[in-house]
Each structure stands twice: as structure tokens, then as C-alpha cells.
């Protein structure tokens, strides 16, 4: 983020799900029969995460932090935005609002489905 002002900063989410999936496949190939069911389930879960969109990944991160802060209301409430900024010191107000809006959109879409 060299050269960017705080206002220009964006929150970046890094997923290493391909690496995790590869490691699980390798472990499954070498696993004894009693470990295979658990590894197969873990591989299914990792596959679901791999296929999620950036917005879904962001919403999952936001909701996890809101849950940890015991914020139960809408993701874009003032309380939620404050909790996000406390969870990630240095996060700009703009970034927190954008994440909160994305989360609200994703959660509303899940509720409508």
C-alpha cells in the first residue's frame, strides 16, 4: 500500500484455498482408512470455500468478527462498523462501510434465496 493515502487504502482478502485443498488431497492419498472420512469431509468444505465469491469471503470474515464482538444486528449498522474498525485497527471508515455494505448485500441475498 506504499504511496496510498488512508482514504485510498483497500482491504484485501487473501485466500490460500488452493494450497489447503492440495494439502488435503495429499493427506487423503496417504491416510489410513480410519482418517479418510474426516479428510474427505474437510476436502468438501475447502472446495466450498474455494468456489465462494470475493463478496461471500468478505461477508464471512465480517460476520465472524461481528459474532466475536457479539454484534447481532445488521452488518451495516453503526455498532457493526465500529466493531469492524476495532477488530482491524487501522481500517479506514470508508473500508469498514464498504465491507459492511457488501456483507449486508450478501446476507440479504441469502435471506431472499
Protein backbone atom coordinates (compact mmCIF):
# COMPACT_ATOMS: atom_id res chain seq x y z
CA UNK A 1 0.00 0.00 0.00
CA UNK A 2 3.03 2.20 -0.47
CA UNK A 3 2.11 5.65 -1.69
CA UNK A 4 -1.60 5.37 -0.94
CA UNK A 5 -3.37 7.69 1.41
CA UNK A 6 -5.54 6.22 4.15
CA UNK A 7 -8.59 7.21 2.14
CA UNK A 8 -7.37 5.24 -0.90
CA UNK A 9 -6.50 2.12 1.06
CA UNK A 10 -8.50 -1.00 0.32
CA UNK A 11 -8.94 -4.11 2.41
CA UNK A 12 -7.50 -7.15 0.67
CA UNK A 13 -8.56 -10.68 1.47
CA UNK A 14 -6.09 -13.42 0.68
CA UNK A 15 -7.28 -16.94 0.15
CA UNK A 16 -4.88 -19.83 0.05
CA UNK A 17 -7.64 -22.32 -0.55
CA UNK A 18 -5.81 -23.91 -3.48
CA UNK A 19 -2.87 -24.67 -1.20
CA UNK A 20 -5.15 -26.01 1.50
CA UNK A 21 -7.03 -28.17 -0.99
CA UNK A 22 -3.78 -29.57 -2.39
CA UNK A 23 -2.51 -30.37 1.12
CA UNK A 24 -5.78 -32.12 1.99
CA UNK A 25 -5.66 -34.18 -1.21
CA UNK A 26 -2.09 -35.21 -0.42
CA UNK A 27 -3.02 -36.15 3.14
CA UNK A 28 -6.03 -38.11 1.87
CA UNK A 29 -3.87 -40.07 -0.57
CA UNK A 30 -1.60 -41.17 2.27
CA UNK A 31 -4.22 -41.53 5.01
CA UNK A 32 -5.10 -44.78 6.78
CA UNK A 33 -8.72 -45.89 6.37
CA UNK A 34 -9.86 -44.52 9.75
CA UNK A 35 -8.74 -40.97 8.83
CA UNK A 36 -10.23 -40.92 5.33
CA UNK A 37 -13.83 -39.88 6.21
CA UNK A 38 -12.65 -36.82 8.13
CA UNK A 39 -10.23 -35.78 5.41
CA UNK A 40 -12.88 -36.29 2.72
CA UNK A 41 -15.25 -34.02 4.66
CA UNK A 42 -12.52 -31.42 5.10
CA UNK A 43 -11.87 -31.53 1.35
CA UNK A 44 -15.59 -30.93 0.68
CA UNK A 45 -15.56 -27.92 2.99
CA UNK A 46 -12.42 -26.49 1.41
CA UNK A 47 -13.98 -26.97 -2.02
CA UNK A 48 -16.98 -24.92 -0.96
CA UNK A 49 -14.75 -22.13 0.25
CA UNK A 50 -12.76 -22.20 -2.99
CA UNK A 51 -15.91 -21.65 -5.01
CA UNK A 52 -17.17 -18.70 -2.97
CA UNK A 53 -17.05 -15.22 -4.46
CA UNK A 54 -14.94 -12.37 -3.12
CA UNK A 55 -18.07 -10.76 -1.66
CA UNK A 56 -19.00 -14.00 0.13
CA UNK A 57 -15.47 -14.31 1.51
CA UNK A 58 -15.58 -10.74 2.78
CA UNK A 59 -19.04 -11.26 4.30
CA UNK A 60 -17.88 -14.41 6.09
CA UNK A 61 -14.91 -12.50 7.55
CA UNK A 62 -17.09 -9.58 8.62
CA UNK A 63 -19.74 -11.78 10.19
CA UNK A 64 -17.12 -13.79 12.10
CA UNK A 65 -15.75 -10.58 13.60
CA UNK A 66 -19.22 -9.23 14.36
CA UNK A 67 -20.15 -12.50 16.05
CA UNK A 68 -16.95 -12.35 18.12
CA UNK A 69 -17.92 -8.83 19.21
CA UNK A 70 -21.48 -10.02 19.99
CA UNK A 71 -22.98 -7.71 17.34
CA UNK A 72 -26.22 -9.34 16.25
CA UNK A 73 -27.84 -6.59 14.23
CA UNK A 74 -27.39 -5.64 10.59
CA UNK A 75 -23.84 -5.67 9.28
CA UNK A 76 -24.10 -2.06 8.17
CA UNK A 77 -25.23 -0.61 11.50
CA UNK A 78 -23.10 1.96 13.30
CA UNK A 79 -22.38 -0.60 16.04
CA UNK A 80 -21.21 -3.14 13.47
CA UNK A 81 -18.96 -0.68 11.67
CA UNK A 82 -17.42 0.37 14.98
CA UNK A 83 -16.80 -3.30 15.86
CA UNK A 84 -15.13 -3.89 12.49
CA UNK A 85 -12.78 -0.98 12.98
CA UNK A 86 -11.92 -2.25 16.47
CA UNK A 87 -11.28 -5.75 15.07
CA UNK A 88 -8.92 -4.38 12.43
CA UNK A 89 -7.06 -1.39 13.84
CA UNK A 90 -6.07 0.98 11.08
CA UNK A 91 -9.06 0.12 8.90
CA UNK A 92 -10.47 3.30 7.45
CA UNK A 93 -14.07 4.28 7.98
CA UNK A 94 -14.59 4.03 4.22
CA UNK A 95 -13.24 0.47 4.09
CA UNK A 96 -15.39 -0.57 7.06
CA UNK A 97 -18.51 0.91 5.48
CA UNK A 98 -17.78 -0.81 2.15
CA UNK A 99 -17.29 -4.17 3.88
CA UNK A 100 -20.44 -3.66 5.92
CA UNK A 101 -22.48 -2.85 2.82
CA UNK A 102 -21.11 -5.85 0.96
CA UNK A 103 -21.95 -8.07 3.92
CA UNK A 104 -25.48 -6.68 4.15
CA UNK A 105 -25.99 -7.32 0.42
CA UNK A 106 -24.72 -10.91 0.68
CA UNK A 107 -26.81 -11.63 3.78
CA UNK A 108 -29.93 -10.10 2.24
CA UNK A 109 -29.42 -12.23 -0.88
CA UNK A 110 -29.08 -15.37 1.27
CA UNK A 111 -32.30 -14.47 3.08
CA UNK A 112 -34.15 -14.00 -0.19
CA UNK A 113 -32.96 -17.32 -1.58
